[in-house]
């Protein structure tokens, strides 16, 4: 069984909702994120920072589970998850939401191959996302 290394469920009040509930006590930074009914809303340049994953080898297997609700429209893709903080080589893990094309774009670069990409088209219906996976660039 795979247990999460970091778990945030946005349950509880501020600041408890932004505490790692995996049992590993990973530090999490919060900027421009507000709570409403167990959901985190990211405003403007809102972000959560997971310092545990800075400048470390991620290993041979990476699993990220994320639930999101597209809200509004942006002419630029909105970052959901990224390990890039101004690095000249860019992010090795990057998940963005493109509200123009209605796609969630997952990018992963490894030491074997750069810029692997999976595109998940979505439809908004009754407040949740319906994803239809398609492989863009095979690993």
Protein backbone atom coordinates (compact mmCIF):
# COMPACT_ATOMS: atom_id res chain seq x y z
CA UNK A 1 0.00 0.00 0.00
CA UNK A 2 1.27 3.43 -0.92
CA UNK A 3 0.91 6.03 1.82
CA UNK A 4 1.28 9.75 1.09
CA UNK A 5 4.50 11.49 2.03
CA UNK A 6 2.53 14.74 2.34
CA UNK A 7 -1.23 15.09 2.79
CA UNK A 8 -3.28 18.29 2.81
CA UNK A 9 -7.06 17.98 2.91
CA UNK A 10 -8.00 21.64 3.65
CA UNK A 11 -10.11 20.43 6.60
CA UNK A 12 -10.29 22.44 9.81
CA UNK A 13 -9.71 26.12 10.36
CA UNK A 14 -6.71 28.22 9.41
CA UNK A 15 -3.84 27.30 10.11
CA UNK A 16 -4.77 23.62 10.79
CA UNK A 17 -6.07 23.14 7.25
CA UNK A 18 -2.58 23.79 5.87
CA UNK A 19 -0.73 21.33 8.13
CA UNK A 20 0.67 18.06 6.73
CA UNK A 21 -1.63 15.26 7.94
CA UNK A 22 0.52 12.38 6.64
CA UNK A 23 2.30 12.04 9.97
CA UNK A 24 5.64 13.16 8.50
CA UNK A 25 5.28 16.76 9.70
CA UNK A 26 6.47 18.32 6.42
CA UNK A 27 6.58 22.11 6.49
CA UNK A 28 4.16 23.87 4.18
CA UNK A 29 4.15 27.56 3.26
CA UNK A 30 0.95 29.35 2.25
CA UNK A 31 0.48 32.54 0.22
CA UNK A 32 -2.88 33.98 -0.94
CA UNK A 33 -4.87 30.81 -0.19
CA UNK A 34 -8.19 31.00 1.63
CA UNK A 35 -10.52 28.34 2.97
CA UNK A 36 -14.20 27.77 2.32
CA UNK A 37 -16.06 24.56 3.21
CA UNK A 38 -12.99 22.29 3.09
CA UNK A 39 -11.68 23.74 -0.18
CA UNK A 40 -8.59 25.89 -0.72
CA UNK A 41 -9.10 28.87 -3.02
CA UNK A 42 -5.97 30.30 -4.62
CA UNK A 43 -6.13 34.03 -5.35
CA UNK A 44 -3.86 35.89 -7.74
CA UNK A 45 -0.42 34.41 -7.21
CA UNK A 46 -1.64 32.00 -4.56
CA UNK A 47 0.57 29.02 -3.78
CA UNK A 48 1.51 26.35 -1.29
CA UNK A 49 5.24 25.64 -0.88
CA UNK A 50 6.47 22.17 0.05
CA UNK A 51 10.09 22.72 1.07
CA UNK A 52 10.63 18.99 1.65
CA UNK A 53 10.86 18.50 -2.14
CA UNK A 54 13.38 21.24 -2.95
CA UNK A 55 16.62 20.05 -4.55
CA UNK A 56 16.07 16.36 -3.78
CA UNK A 57 16.06 13.23 -5.93
CA UNK A 58 12.41 12.21 -6.30
CA UNK A 59 13.23 8.56 -6.99
CA UNK A 60 12.03 6.13 -9.65
CA UNK A 61 8.31 6.45 -8.85
CA UNK A 62 6.27 9.62 -8.40
CA UNK A 63 2.55 9.73 -7.70
CA UNK A 64 0.63 12.96 -7.24
CA UNK A 65 -3.06 12.99 -6.49
CA UNK A 66 -4.78 16.33 -6.90
CA UNK A 67 -8.42 17.34 -6.95
CA UNK A 68 -9.21 20.72 -8.42
CA UNK A 69 -12.13 22.78 -9.55
CA UNK A 70 -11.56 25.12 -12.50
CA UNK A 71 -12.86 28.52 -11.66
CA UNK A 72 -12.90 31.48 -13.97
CA UNK A 73 -10.76 32.04 -17.03
CA UNK A 74 -7.13 32.95 -17.58
CA UNK A 75 -5.42 33.73 -20.87
CA UNK A 76 -2.33 31.96 -19.48
CA UNK A 77 -2.16 28.40 -18.09
CA UNK A 78 -2.56 28.37 -14.31
CA UNK A 79 0.01 26.41 -12.29
CA UNK A 80 -1.48 23.78 -9.98
CA UNK A 81 1.72 21.94 -8.95
CA UNK A 82 5.32 22.75 -9.87
CA UNK A 83 8.78 22.30 -8.43
CA UNK A 84 10.18 25.25 -10.38
CA UNK A 85 11.20 28.32 -8.49
CA UNK A 86 13.04 30.32 -11.12
CA UNK A 87 15.40 27.49 -12.04
CA UNK A 88 17.16 27.92 -15.41
CA UNK A 89 16.32 24.30 -16.34
CA UNK A 90 12.65 24.74 -15.47
CA UNK A 91 10.34 22.41 -13.61
CA UNK A 92 10.82 18.66 -13.59
CA UNK A 93 7.28 18.24 -12.23
CA UNK A 94 4.62 20.62 -13.52
CA UNK A 95 0.81 20.48 -13.60
CA UNK A 96 -1.04 23.36 -15.26
CA UNK A 97 -4.64 24.11 -16.04
CA UNK A 98 -5.34 25.65 -19.44
CA UNK A 99 -8.79 27.23 -19.24
CA UNK A 100 -8.78 28.20 -22.94
CA UNK A 101 -8.40 24.60 -24.20
CA UNK A 102 -10.01 23.04 -21.08
CA UNK A 103 -7.04 20.77 -20.46
CA UNK A 104 -4.96 19.81 -17.44
CA UNK A 105 -1.37 19.38 -18.66
CA UNK A 106 1.01 17.16 -16.66
CA UNK A 107 4.73 17.45 -17.51
CA UNK A 108 7.54 15.34 -16.10
CA UNK A 109 11.22 15.46 -16.98
CA UNK A 110 13.67 12.76 -15.92
CA UNK A 111 17.37 12.20 -16.42
CA UNK A 112 16.39 9.79 -19.23
CA UNK A 113 13.96 12.03 -21.14
CA UNK A 114 12.82 15.64 -20.86
CA UNK A 115 9.31 17.04 -21.23
CA UNK A 116 7.08 13.96 -21.09
CA UNK A 117 3.53 15.24 -21.28
CA UNK A 118 0.08 13.86 -20.51
CA UNK A 119 -2.96 15.97 -21.41
CA UNK A 120 -6.28 15.45 -19.62
CA UNK A 121 -9.23 17.23 -21.25
CA UNK A 122 -11.94 18.18 -18.77
CA UNK A 123 -15.56 19.20 -18.73
CA UNK A 124 -17.12 21.13 -15.89
CA UNK A 125 -20.29 19.52 -14.61
CA UNK A 126 -22.03 19.86 -11.26
CA UNK A 127 -18.93 21.27 -9.57
CA UNK A 128 -16.52 18.45 -10.41
CA UNK A 129 -14.05 17.53 -13.15
CA UNK A 130 -14.49 14.70 -15.61
CA UNK A 131 -11.08 13.75 -17.10
CA UNK A 132 -10.42 11.80 -20.29
CA UNK A 133 -6.73 10.82 -20.33
CA UNK A 134 -4.63 10.85 -23.48
CA UNK A 135 -0.87 10.33 -23.82
CA UNK A 136 0.90 13.11 -25.69
CA UNK A 137 4.55 12.04 -25.49
CA UNK A 138 5.43 8.46 -24.63
CA UNK A 139 8.18 7.89 -22.07
